[in-house]
PDB file of N, CA and C in Angstrom:
ATOM      1  N   GLY A   1      29.499 -26.523  11.510  1.00  0.00           N
ATOM      2  CA  GLY A   1      28.449 -25.653  10.950  1.00  0.00           C
ATOM      3  C   GLY A   1      27.057 -26.053  11.433  1.00  0.00           C
ATOM      4  N   ASN A   2      26.148 -25.204  11.168  1.00  0.00           N
ATOM      5  CA  ASN A   2      24.664 -25.381  11.493  1.00  0.00           C
ATOM      6  C   ASN A   2      24.067 -26.234  10.482  1.00  0.00           C
ATOM      7  N   PRO A   3      23.354 -27.368  10.893  1.00  0.00           N
ATOM      8  CA  PRO A   3      22.694 -28.311   9.982  1.00  0.00           C
ATOM      9  C   PRO A   3      21.510 -27.646   9.233  1.00  0.00           C
ATOM     10  N   TYR A   4      21.032 -26.533   9.718  1.00  0.00           N
ATOM     11  CA  TYR A   4      19.865 -25.909   9.130  1.00  0.00           C
ATOM     12  C   TYR A   4      20.256 -24.754   8.231  1.00  0.00           C
ATOM     13  N   GLY A   5      21.510 -24.455   8.062  1.00  0.00           N
ATOM     14  CA  GLY A   5      21.954 -23.437   7.154  1.00  0.00           C
ATOM     15  C   GLY A   5      21.940 -21.970   7.686  1.00  0.00           C
ATOM     16  N   TYR A   6      21.639 -21.842   8.904  1.00  0.00           N
ATOM     17  CA  TYR A   6      21.581 -20.550   9.515  1.00  0.00           C
ATOM     18  C   TYR A   6      22.898 -20.060   9.953  1.00  0.00           C
ATOM     19  N   LYS A   7      23.177 -18.761   9.789  1.00  0.00           N
ATOM     20  CA  LYS A   7      24.470 -18.271  10.267  1.00  0.00           C
ATOM     21  C   LYS A   7      24.084 -17.184  11.370  1.00  0.00           C
ATOM     22  N   GLN A   8      24.923 -17.047  12.358  1.00  0.00           N
ATOM     23  CA  GLN A   8      24.709 -16.025  13.392  1.00  0.00           C
ATOM     24  C   GLN A   8      25.788 -15.007  13.250  1.00  0.00           C
ATOM     25  N   ALA A   9      25.368 -13.700  13.653  1.00  0.00           N
ATOM     26  CA  ALA A   9      26.262 -12.640  13.637  1.00  0.00           C
ATOM     27  C   ALA A   9      25.840 -11.582  14.689  1.00  0.00           C
ATOM     28  N   LEU A  10      26.878 -10.970  15.386  1.00  0.00           N
ATOM     29  CA  LEU A  10      26.633  -9.895  16.194  1.00  0.00           C
ATOM     30  C   LEU A  10      26.287  -8.603  15.336  1.00  0.00           C
ATOM     31  N   ALA A  11      25.217  -8.054  15.488  1.00  0.00           N
ATOM     32  CA  ALA A  11      24.849  -6.925  14.553  1.00  0.00           C
ATOM     33  C   ALA A  11      24.284  -5.713  15.356  1.00  0.00           C
ATOM     34  N   TRP A  12      24.483  -4.562  14.755  1.00  0.00           N
ATOM     35  CA  TRP A  12      23.824  -3.370  15.139  1.00  0.00           C
ATOM     36  C   TRP A  12      22.528  -3.064  14.422  1.00  0.00           C
ATOM     37  N   LYS A  13      21.509  -2.699  15.190  1.00  0.00           N
ATOM     38  CA  LYS A  13      20.202  -2.329  14.442  1.00  0.00           C
ATOM     39  C   LYS A  13      20.365  -0.857  14.310  1.00  0.00           C
ATOM     40  N   VAL A  14      20.098  -0.318  13.051  1.00  0.00           N
ATOM     41  CA  VAL A  14      20.132   1.110  12.762  1.00  0.00           C
ATOM     42  C   VAL A  14      18.732   1.501  12.046  1.00  0.00           C
ATOM     43  N   CYS A  15      18.306   2.628  12.455  1.00  0.00           N
ATOM     44  CA  CYS A  15      17.000   3.137  11.881  1.00  0.00           C
ATOM     45  C   CYS A  15      17.219   4.607  11.472  1.00  0.00           C
ATOM     46  N   PRO A  16      17.896   4.818  10.285  1.00  0.00           N
ATOM     47  CA  PRO A  16      18.184   6.141   9.926  1.00  0.00           C
ATOM     48  C   PRO A  16      16.959   6.883   9.342  1.00  0.00           C
ATOM     49  N   LYS A  17      17.075   8.223   9.369  1.00  0.00           N
ATOM     50  CA  LYS A  17      16.078   9.087   8.672  1.00  0.00           C
ATOM     51  C   LYS A  17      16.817   9.829   7.585  1.00  0.00           C
ATOM     52  N   PHE A  18      16.172   9.897   6.422  1.00  0.00           N
ATOM     53  CA  PHE A  18      16.886  10.550   5.330  1.00  0.00           C
ATOM     54  C   PHE A  18      16.231  11.826   5.012  1.00  0.00           C
ATOM     55  N   VAL A  19      16.899  12.803   4.409  1.00  0.00           N
ATOM     56  CA  VAL A  19      16.370  14.088   3.990  1.00  0.00           C
ATOM     57  C   VAL A  19      15.223  13.755   2.936  1.00  0.00           C
ATOM     58  N   GLY A  20      14.078  14.360   3.161  1.00  0.00           N
ATOM     59  CA  GLY A  20      12.941  14.168   2.248  1.00  0.00           C
ATOM     60  C   GLY A  20      12.104  12.925   2.495  1.00  0.00           C
ATOM     61  N   GLN A  21      12.543  12.071   3.447  1.00  0.00           N
ATOM     62  CA  GLN A  21      11.779  10.929   3.913  1.00  0.00           C
ATOM     63  C   GLN A  21      10.402  11.300   4.541  1.00  0.00           C
ATOM     64  N   THR A  22       9.385  10.647   4.105  1.00  0.00           N
ATOM     65  CA  THR A  22       8.109  10.873   4.544  1.00  0.00           C
ATOM     66  C   THR A  22       7.418   9.783   5.398  1.00  0.00           C
ATOM     67  N   ASP A  23       6.910   8.793   4.774  1.00  0.00           N
ATOM     68  CA  ASP A  23       6.224   7.637   5.464  1.00  0.00           C
ATOM     69  C   ASP A  23       7.138   6.493   5.759  1.00  0.00           C
ATOM     70  N   GLU A  24       8.275   6.436   5.096  1.00  0.00           N
ATOM     71  CA  GLU A  24       9.108   5.209   5.311  1.00  0.00           C
ATOM     72  C   GLU A  24       9.746   5.242   6.764  1.00  0.00           C
ATOM     73  N   VAL A  25       9.856   3.962   7.300  1.00  0.00           N
ATOM     74  CA  VAL A  25      10.563   3.754   8.468  1.00  0.00           C
ATOM     75  C   VAL A  25      11.607   2.779   8.212  1.00  0.00           C
ATOM     76  N   MET A  26      12.826   3.143   8.003  1.00  0.00           N
ATOM     77  CA  MET A  26      13.871   2.252   7.482  1.00  0.00           C
ATOM     78  C   MET A  26      14.532   1.515   8.758  1.00  0.00           C
ATOM     79  N   GLU A  27      14.893   0.296   8.478  1.00  0.00           N
ATOM     80  CA  GLU A  27      15.583  -0.361   9.491  1.00  0.00           C
ATOM     81  C   GLU A  27      16.704  -1.220   8.834  1.00  0.00           C
ATOM     82  N   GLY A  28      17.910  -1.223   9.415  1.00  0.00           N
ATOM     83  CA  GLY A  28      18.974  -2.019   8.924  1.00  0.00           C
ATOM     84  C   GLY A  28      19.672  -2.764   9.971  1.00  0.00           C
ATOM     85  N   LEU A  29      20.344  -3.813   9.622  1.00  0.00           N
ATOM     86  CA  LEU A  29      21.236  -4.644  10.457  1.00  0.00           C
ATOM     87  C   LEU A  29      22.596  -4.567   9.787  1.00  0.00           C
ATOM     88  N   VAL A  30      23.553  -4.168  10.624  1.00  0.00           N
ATOM     89  CA  VAL A  30      24.945  -4.078  10.166  1.00  0.00           C
ATOM     90  C   VAL A  30      25.830  -5.025  11.094  1.00  0.00           C
ATOM     91  N   ASP A  31      26.655  -5.805  10.402  1.00  0.00           N
ATOM     92  CA  ASP A  31      27.480  -6.719  11.086  1.00  0.00           C
ATOM     93  C   ASP A  31      28.462  -5.924  11.916  1.00  0.00           C
ATOM     94  N   ALA A  32      28.499  -6.248  13.248  1.00  0.00           N
ATOM     95  CA  ALA A  32      29.336  -5.486  14.190  1.00  0.00           C
ATOM     96  C   ALA A  32      30.767  -5.641  14.052  1.00  0.00           C
ATOM     97  N   GLN A  33      31.202  -6.743  13.356  1.00  0.00           N
ATOM     98  CA  GLN A  33      32.596  -6.977  13.165  1.00  0.00           C
ATOM     99  C   GLN A  33      33.100  -6.545  11.863  1.00  0.00           C
ATOM    100  N   THR A  34      32.291  -6.720  10.706  1.00  0.00           N
ATOM    101  CA  THR A  34      32.800  -6.336   9.444  1.00  0.00           C
ATOM    102  C   THR A  34      32.317  -5.050   8.852  1.00  0.00           C
ATOM    103  N   GLY A  35      31.104  -4.643   9.427  1.00  0.00           N
ATOM    104  CA  GLY A  35      30.472  -3.367   8.932  1.00  0.00           C
ATOM    105  C   GLY A  35      29.580  -3.706   7.710  1.00  0.00           C
ATOM    106  N   ALA A  36      29.469  -4.999   7.346  1.00  0.00           N
ATOM    107  CA  ALA A  36      28.635  -5.272   6.170  1.00  0.00           C
ATOM    108  C   ALA A  36      27.084  -5.098   6.514  1.00  0.00           C
ATOM    109  N   VAL A  37      26.423  -4.606   5.530  1.00  0.00           N
ATOM    110  CA  VAL A  37      25.015  -4.454   5.680  1.00  0.00           C
ATOM    111  C   VAL A  37      24.371  -5.780   5.471  1.00  0.00           C
ATOM    112  N   LEU A  38      23.700  -6.330   6.496  1.00  0.00           N
ATOM    113  CA  LEU A  38      23.037  -7.645   6.434  1.00  0.00           C
ATOM    114  C   LEU A  38      21.587  -7.550   5.976  1.00  0.00           C
ATOM    115  N   LYS A  39      20.961  -6.413   6.271  1.00  0.00           N
ATOM    116  CA  LYS A  39      19.524  -6.204   5.916  1.00  0.00           C
ATOM    117  C   LYS A  39      19.253  -4.725   5.967  1.00  0.00           C
ATOM    118  N   PHE A  40      18.387  -4.220   4.994  1.00  0.00           N
ATOM    119  CA  PHE A  40      18.024  -2.855   5.012  1.00  0.00           C
ATOM    120  C   PHE A  40      16.642  -2.781   4.362  1.00  0.00           C
ATOM    121  N   VAL A  41      15.602  -2.536   5.066  1.00  0.00           N
ATOM    122  CA  VAL A  41      14.189  -2.562   4.544  1.00  0.00           C
ATOM    123  C   VAL A  41      13.381  -1.414   5.158  1.00  0.00           C
ATOM    124  N   ASN A  42      12.281  -1.158   4.410  1.00  0.00           N
ATOM    125  CA  ASN A  42      11.170  -0.212   4.859  1.00  0.00           C
ATOM    126  C   ASN A  42      10.244  -1.026   5.643  1.00  0.00           C
ATOM    127  N   THR A  43      10.110  -0.773   6.939  1.00  0.00           N
ATOM    128  CA  THR A  43       9.241  -1.514   7.811  1.00  0.00           C
ATOM    129  C   THR A  43       7.806  -1.188   7.831  1.00  0.00           C
ATOM    130  N   VAL A  44       7.409  -0.116   7.058  1.00  0.00           N
ATOM    131  CA  VAL A  44       5.987   0.217   6.992  1.00  0.00           C
ATOM    132  C   VAL A  44       5.229  -0.677   6.089  1.00  0.00           C
ATOM    133  N   ASP A  45       4.107  -1.244   6.510  1.00  0.00           N
ATOM    134  CA  ASP A  45       3.276  -2.099   5.657  1.00  0.00           C
ATOM    135  C   ASP A  45       2.393  -1.126   4.842  1.00  0.00           C
ATOM    136  N   ASN A  46       2.362  -1.337   3.545  1.00  0.00           N
ATOM    137  CA  ASN A  46       1.390  -0.586   2.639  1.00  0.00           C
ATOM    138  C   ASN A  46       0.280  -1.402   2.243  1.00  0.00           C
ATOM    139  N   PHE A  47      -0.885  -0.845   2.139  1.00  0.00           N
ATOM    140  CA  PHE A  47      -2.125  -1.587   1.787  1.00  0.00           C
ATOM    141  C   PHE A  47      -2.667  -1.011   0.502  1.00  0.00           C
ATOM    142  N   GLU A  48      -3.528  -1.769  -0.143  1.00  0.00           N
ATOM    143  CA  GLU A  48      -4.119  -1.309  -1.446  1.00  0.00           C
ATOM    144  C   GLU A  48      -5.530  -1.413  -1.490  1.00  0.00           C
ATOM    145  N   ALA A  49      -6.200  -0.324  -1.838  1.00  0.00           N
ATOM    146  CA  ALA A  49      -7.766  -0.339  -2.008  1.00  0.00           C
ATOM    147  C   ALA A  49      -7.967  -0.700  -3.409  1.00  0.00           C
ATOM    148  N   HIS A  50      -8.714  -1.705  -3.709  1.00  0.00           N
ATOM    149  CA  HIS A  50      -9.118  -2.035  -5.144  1.00  0.00           C
ATOM    150  C   HIS A  50     -10.583  -2.732  -5.113  1.00  0.00           C
ATOM    151  N   GLY A  51     -11.133  -2.635  -6.243  1.00  0.00           N
ATOM    152  CA  GLY A  51     -12.435  -3.251  -6.380  1.00  0.00           C
ATOM    153  C   GLY A  51     -12.895  -3.400  -7.813  1.00  0.00           C
ATOM    154  N   ASN A  52     -14.013  -3.823  -8.006  1.00  0.00           N
ATOM    155  CA  ASN A  52     -14.546  -4.182  -9.478  1.00  0.00           C
ATOM    156  C   ASN A  52     -15.261  -2.876  -9.937  1.00  0.00           C
ATOM    157  N   THR A  53     -14.963  -2.430 -11.099  1.00  0.00           N
ATOM    158  CA  THR A  53     -15.577  -1.299 -11.737  1.00  0.00           C
ATOM    159  C   THR A  53     -16.053  -1.659 -13.122  1.00  0.00           C
ATOM    160  N   TYR A  54     -16.916  -0.892 -13.677  1.00  0.00           N
ATOM    161  CA  TYR A  54     -17.375  -0.844 -15.070  1.00  0.00           C
ATOM    162  C   TYR A  54     -16.555   0.370 -15.725  1.00  0.00           C
ATOM    163  N   PRO A  55     -15.704   0.107 -16.643  1.00  0.00           N
ATOM    164  CA  PRO A  55     -14.833   1.146 -17.239  1.00  0.00           C
ATOM    165  C   PRO A  55     -15.713   2.316 -17.833  1.00  0.00           C
ATOM    166  N   LEU A  56     -16.767   1.983 -18.451  1.00  0.00           N
ATOM    167  CA  LEU A  56     -17.552   3.014 -19.125  1.00  0.00           C
ATOM    168  C   LEU A  56     -19.099   2.862 -18.949  1.00  0.00           C
ATOM    169  N   THR A  57     -19.632   1.626 -19.014  1.00  0.00           N
ATOM    170  CA  THR A  57     -20.990   1.395 -18.910  1.00  0.00           C
ATOM    171  C   THR A  57     -21.147  -0.062 -18.341  1.00  0.00           C
ATOM    172  N   ASN A  58     -22.349  -0.365 -17.924  1.00  0.00           N
ATOM    173  CA  ASN A  58     -22.703  -1.690 -17.424  1.00  0.00           C
ATOM    174  C   ASN A  58     -23.617  -2.594 -18.337  1.00  0.00           C
ATOM    175  N   ASN A  59     -23.368  -2.393 -19.682  1.00  0.00           N
ATOM    176  CA  ASN A  59     -24.283  -3.098 -20.658  1.00  0.00           C
ATOM    177  C   ASN A  59     -23.813  -4.519 -20.903  1.00  0.00           C
ATOM    178  N   GLY A  60     -22.725  -4.941 -20.370  1.00  0.00           N
ATOM    179  CA  GLY A  60     -22.186  -6.307 -20.529  1.00  0.00           C
ATOM    180  C   GLY A  60     -21.430  -6.585 -21.765  1.00  0.00           C
ATOM    181  N   ASN A  61     -21.292  -5.549 -22.603  1.00  0.00           N
ATOM    182  CA  ASN A  61     -20.545  -5.670 -23.859  1.00  0.00           C
ATOM    183  C   ASN A  61     -18.997  -5.304 -23.643  1.00  0.00           C
ATOM    184  N   ALA A  62     -18.175  -6.292 -24.029  1.00  0.00           N
ATOM    185  CA  ALA A  62     -16.696  -6.064 -23.820  1.00  0.00           C
ATOM    186  C   ALA A  62     -16.195  -5.012 -24.869  1.00  0.00           C
ATOM    187  N   PRO A  63     -15.223  -4.255 -24.607  1.00  0.00           N
ATOM    188  CA  PRO A  63     -14.451  -4.351 -23.375  1.00  0.00           C
ATOM    189  C   PRO A  63     -14.834  -3.369 -22.298  1.00  0.00           C
ATOM    190  N   PHE A  64     -15.661  -2.377 -22.721  1.00  0.00           N
ATOM    191  CA  PHE A  64     -16.043  -1.257 -21.730  1.00  0.00           C
ATOM    192  C   PHE A  64     -17.197  -1.492 -20.952  1.00  0.00           C
ATOM    193  N   GLY A  65     -17.995  -2.526 -21.053  1.00  0.00           N
ATOM    194  CA  GLY A  65     -19.269  -2.782 -20.321  1.00  0.00           C
ATOM    195  C   GLY A  65     -19.141  -3.964 -19.494  1.00  0.00           C
ATOM    196  N   VAL A  66     -17.952  -4.490 -19.168  1.00  0.00           N
ATOM    197  CA  VAL A  66     -17.904  -5.622 -18.247  1.00  0.00           C
ATOM    198  C   VAL A  66     -16.984  -5.226 -17.018  1.00  0.00           C
ATOM    199  N   GLN A  67     -17.201  -5.797 -15.945  1.00  0.00           N
ATOM    200  CA  GLN A  67     -16.491  -5.445 -14.700  1.00  0.00           C
ATOM    201  C   GLN A  67     -14.995  -5.867 -14.879  1.00  0.00           C
ATOM    202  N   THR A  68     -14.189  -4.980 -14.347  1.00  0.00           N
ATOM    203  CA  THR A  68     -12.794  -5.270 -14.303  1.00  0.00           C
ATOM    204  C   THR A  68     -12.244  -4.841 -12.939  1.00  0.00           C
ATOM    205  N   MET A  69     -11.179  -5.480 -12.481  1.00  0.00           N
ATOM    206  CA  MET A  69     -10.549  -5.240 -11.140  1.00  0.00           C
ATOM    207  C   MET A  69      -9.729  -3.944 -11.479  1.00  0.00           C
ATOM    208  N   ALA A  70      -9.830  -2.944 -10.460  1.00  0.00           N
ATOM    209  CA  ALA A  70      -9.161  -1.646 -10.645  1.00  0.00           C
ATOM    210  C   ALA A  70      -8.707  -1.225  -9.241  1.00  0.00           C
ATOM    211  N   VAL A  71      -7.632  -0.577  -9.213  1.00  0.00           N
ATOM    212  CA  VAL A  71      -7.118   0.109  -7.968  1.00  0.00           C
ATOM    213  C   VAL A  71      -7.991   1.355  -7.791  1.00  0.00           C
ATOM    214  N   MET A  72      -8.096   1.835  -6.556  1.00  0.00           N
ATOM    215  CA  MET A  72      -8.953   2.971  -6.245  1.00  0.00           C
ATOM    216  C   MET A  72      -8.108   4.212  -5.876  1.00  0.00           C
ATOM    217  N   PRO A  73      -7.604   4.996  -6.814  1.00  0.00           N
ATOM    218  CA  PRO A  73      -6.806   6.132  -6.467  1.00  0.00           C
ATOM    219  C   PRO A  73      -7.622   7.292  -5.787  1.00  0.00           C
ATOM    220  N   TYR A  74      -6.932   8.052  -4.948  1.00  0.00           N
ATOM    221  CA  TYR A  74      -7.512   9.218  -4.340  1.00  0.00           C
ATOM    222  C   TYR A  74      -8.824   8.922  -3.612  1.00  0.00           C
ATOM    223  N   MET A  75      -8.902   7.756  -2.971  1.00  0.00           N
ATOM    224  CA  MET A  75     -10.067   7.361  -2.135  1.00  0.00           C
ATOM    225  C   MET A  75      -9.824   7.549  -0.697  1.00  0.00           C
ATOM    226  N   ASN A  76     -10.851   8.066   0.048  1.00  0.00           N
ATOM    227  CA  ASN A  76     -10.654   8.144   1.456  1.00  0.00           C
ATOM    228  C   ASN A  76     -10.735   6.800   2.136  1.00  0.00           C
ATOM    229  N   VAL A  77      -9.734   6.350   2.923  1.00  0.00           N
ATOM    230  CA  VAL A  77      -9.609   5.184   3.596  1.00  0.00           C
ATOM    231  C   VAL A  77      -9.273   5.496   5.042  1.00  0.00           C
ATOM    232  N   GLY A  78     -10.106   5.363   5.998  1.00  0.00           N
ATOM    233  CA  GLY A  78      -9.835   5.778   7.317  1.00  0.00           C
ATOM    234  C   GLY A  78      -9.346   7.253   7.303  1.00  0.00           C
ATOM    235  N   SER A  79      -8.268   7.542   7.975  1.00  0.00           N
ATOM    236  CA  SER A  79      -7.774   8.900   8.041  1.00  0.00           C
ATOM    237  C   SER A  79      -6.686   9.254   6.858  1.00  0.00           C
ATOM    238  N   ASP A  80      -6.598   8.335   5.879  1.00  0.00           N
ATOM    239  CA  ASP A  80      -5.695   8.438   4.834  1.00  0.00           C
ATOM    240  C   ASP A  80      -6.382   8.552   3.517  1.00  0.00           C
ATOM    241  N   VAL A  81      -5.692   8.989   2.503  1.00  0.00           N
ATOM    242  CA  VAL A  81      -6.237   9.052   1.114  1.00  0.00           C
ATOM    243  C   VAL A  81      -5.255   8.271   0.240  1.00  0.00           C
ATOM    244  N   THR A  82      -5.799   7.358  -0.564  1.00  0.00           N
ATOM    245  CA  THR A  82      -4.910   6.514  -1.367  1.00  0.00           C
ATOM    246  C   THR A  82      -4.128   7.316  -2.420  1.00  0.00           C
ATOM    247  N   ASP A  83      -2.980   6.801  -2.776  1.00  0.00           N
ATOM    248  CA  ASP A  83      -2.218   7.422  -3.876  1.00  0.00           C
ATOM    249  C   ASP A  83      -2.692   7.030  -5.187  1.00  0.00           C
ATOM    250  N   THR A  84      -1.895   7.328  -6.268  1.00  0.00           N
ATOM    251  CA  THR A  84      -2.322   6.969  -7.638  1.00  0.00           C
ATOM    252  C   THR A  84      -2.413   5.423  -7.884  1.00  0.00           C
ATOM    253  N   GLY A  85      -1.712   4.625  -7.012  1.00  0.00           N
ATOM    254  CA  GLY A  85      -1.835   3.234  -7.171  1.00  0.00           C
ATOM    255  C   GLY A  85      -2.740   2.553  -6.257  1.00  0.00           C
ATOM    256  N   GLY A  86      -3.588   3.427  -5.495  1.00  0.00           N
ATOM    257  CA  GLY A  86      -4.570   2.858  -4.583  1.00  0.00           C
ATOM    258  C   GLY A  86      -3.998   2.486  -3.223  1.00  0.00           C
ATOM    259  N   ASN A  87      -2.650   2.867  -2.948  1.00  0.00           N
ATOM    260  CA  ASN A  87      -1.975   2.461  -1.734  1.00  0.00           C
ATOM    261  C   ASN A  87      -2.266   3.487  -0.616  1.00  0.00           C
ATOM    262  N   TYR A  88      -2.354   2.924   0.650  1.00  0.00           N
ATOM    263  CA  TYR A  88      -2.448   3.755   1.781  1.00  0.00           C
ATOM    264  C   TYR A  88      -1.732   3.117   2.951  1.00  0.00           C
ATOM    265  N   LEU A  89      -1.476   3.903   4.007  1.00  0.00           N
ATOM    266  CA  LEU A  89      -0.638   3.330   5.152  1.00  0.00           C
ATOM    267  C   LEU A  89      -1.436   2.960   6.397  1.00  0.00           C
ATOM    268  N   ALA A  90      -2.660   3.376   6.519  1.00  0.00           N
ATOM    269  CA  ALA A  90      -3.453   3.186   7.789  1.00  0.00           C
ATOM    270  C   ALA A  90      -3.640   1.646   7.902  1.00  0.00           C
ATOM    271  N   ALA A  91      -3.121   1.068   8.995  1.00  0.00           N
ATOM    272  CA  ALA A  91      -3.248  -0.384   9.276  1.00  0.00           C
ATOM    273  C   ALA A  91      -4.525  -0.687  10.061  1.00  0.00           C
ATOM    274  N   GLY A  92      -4.904  -2.005  10.071  1.00  0.00           N
ATOM    275  CA  GLY A  92      -6.091  -2.386  10.691  1.00  0.00           C
ATOM    276  C   GLY A  92      -7.356  -2.184   9.945  1.00  0.00           C
ATOM    277  N   PRO A  93      -8.484  -2.532  10.465  1.00  0.00           N
ATOM    278  CA  PRO A  93      -9.773  -2.366   9.837  1.00  0.00           C
ATOM    279  C   PRO A  93      -9.981  -0.850   9.549  1.00  0.00           C
ATOM    280  N   GLN A  94     -10.391  -0.498   8.276  1.00  0.00           N
ATOM    281  CA  GLN A  94     -10.667   0.877   7.914  1.00  0.00           C
ATOM    282  C   GLN A  94     -12.013   1.020   7.262  1.00  0.00           C
ATOM    283  N   MET A  95     -12.628   2.233   7.322  1.00  0.00           N
ATOM    284  CA  MET A  95     -13.840   2.533   6.624  1.00  0.00           C
ATOM    285  C   MET A  95     -13.454   3.212   5.276  1.00  0.00           C
ATOM    286  N   ALA A  96     -13.849   2.699   4.154  1.00  0.00           N
ATOM    287  CA  ALA A  96     -13.629   3.272   2.916  1.00  0.00           C
ATOM    288  C   ALA A  96     -14.731   3.999   2.360  1.00  0.00           C
ATOM    289  N   ILE A  97     -14.563   5.203   1.932  1.00  0.00           N
ATOM    290  CA  ILE A  97     -15.646   6.089   1.493  1.00  0.00           C
ATOM    291  C   ILE A  97     -15.363   6.355  -0.038  1.00  0.00           C
ATOM    292  N   PHE A  98     -16.337   6.094  -0.911  1.00  0.00           N
ATOM    293  CA  PHE A  98     -16.146   6.294  -2.321  1.00  0.00           C
ATOM    294  C   PHE A  98     -16.227   7.749  -2.710  1.00  0.00           C
ATOM    295  N   GLU A  99     -15.378   8.528  -2.101  1.00  0.00           N
ATOM    296  CA  GLU A  99     -15.183   9.880  -2.473  1.00  0.00           C
ATOM    297  C   GLU A  99     -13.840  10.332  -1.952  1.00  0.00           C
ATOM    298  N   GLY A 100     -13.262  11.281  -2.497  1.00  0.00           N
ATOM    299  CA  GLY A 100     -11.983  11.786  -2.184  1.00  0.00           C
ATOM    300  C   GLY A 100     -11.775  13.115  -2.730  1.00  0.00           C
ATOM    301  N   PRO A 101     -10.472  13.591  -2.826  1.00  0.00           N
ATOM    302  CA  PRO A 101     -10.186  14.890  -3.362  1.00  0.00           C
ATOM    303  C   PRO A 101     -10.553  15.118  -4.781  1.00  0.00           C
ATOM    304  N   TYR A 102     -10.710  13.985  -5.551  1.00  0.00           N
ATOM    305  CA  TYR A 102     -11.052  14.142  -6.952  1.00  0.00           C
ATOM    306  C   TYR A 102     -12.186  13.280  -7.424  1.00  0.00           C
ATOM    307  N   LEU A 103     -12.992  12.799  -6.442  1.00  0.00           N
ATOM    308  CA  LEU A 103     -14.040  11.825  -6.786  1.00  0.00           C
ATOM    309  C   LEU A 103     -15.187  11.989  -5.834  1.00  0.00           C
ATOM    310  N   LYS A 104     -16.394  11.954  -6.429  1.00  0.00           N
ATOM    311  CA  LYS A 104     -17.604  11.824  -5.609  1.00  0.00           C
ATOM    312  C   LYS A 104     -18.680  11.106  -6.503  1.00  0.00           C
ATOM    313  N   ILE A 105     -19.138   9.964  -6.016  1.00  0.00           N
ATOM    314  CA  ILE A 105     -20.102   9.192  -6.797  1.00  0.00           C
ATOM    315  C   ILE A 105     -21.497   9.613  -6.432  1.00  0.00           C
ATOM    316  N   VAL A 106     -22.258   9.945  -7.452  1.00  0.00           N
ATOM    317  CA  VAL A 106     -23.694  10.259  -7.241  1.00  0.00           C
ATOM    318  C   VAL A 106     -24.467   9.306  -8.084  1.00  0.00           C
ATOM    319  N   ASP A 107     -25.256   8.449  -7.407  1.00  0.00           N
ATOM    320  CA  ASP A 107     -26.079   7.463  -8.151  1.00  0.00           C
ATOM    321  C   ASP A 107     -27.494   7.873  -8.114  1.00  0.00           C
ATOM    322  N   GLU A 108     -27.965   8.267  -9.326  1.00  0.00           N
ATOM    323  CA  GLU A 108     -29.432   8.709  -9.377  1.00  0.00           C
ATOM    324  C   GLU A 108     -30.233   7.632 -10.116  1.00  0.00           C
ATOM    325  N   CYS A 109     -29.815   6.405 -10.094  1.00  0.00           N
ATOM    326  CA  CYS A 109     -30.498   5.346 -10.857  1.00  0.00           C
ATOM    327  C   CYS A 109     -31.678   4.852  -9.953  1.00  0.00           C
ATOM    328  N   GLY A 110     -32.816   4.381 -10.487  1.00  0.00           N
ATOM    329  CA  GLY A 110     -33.851   3.800  -9.720  1.00  0.00           C
ATOM    330  C   GLY A 110     -34.439   4.708  -8.678  1.00  0.00           C
ATOM    331  N   GLY A 111     -35.155   4.106  -7.763  1.00  0.00           N
ATOM    332  CA  GLY A 111     -35.753   4.691  -6.613  1.00  0.00           C
ATOM    333  C   GLY A 111     -36.319   6.086  -6.777  1.00  0.00           C
ATOM    334  N   ALA A 112     -36.926   6.579  -5.660  1.00  0.00           N
ATOM    335  CA  ALA A 112     -37.671   7.912  -5.770  1.00  0.00           C
ATOM    336  C   ALA A 112     -36.647   8.938  -5.551  1.00  0.00           C
TER     337      ALA A 112
END
């Protein structure tokens, strides 16, 4: 046996597409001798946009006036828009804009 606990197997790499599949890129390894599935994963990396927000006001009074970490749903990130959990698929450095299909921030505080 192998002193490191690794096992070797001759395997087929399969990348099926399923009906209704959108962003997922599935990859599987199937044992060439037994047909057993050794691995089956979605190879797409998902990213999450999040930041600190004031739930209602910035007066410092808990619970609605103190900063909390929150995901940013429906936010423009690069060429993508985040989902309800703040997730997006565009990899690498991205420009985030605090507006999207359901949001536009207008700050009229201070200044002229």
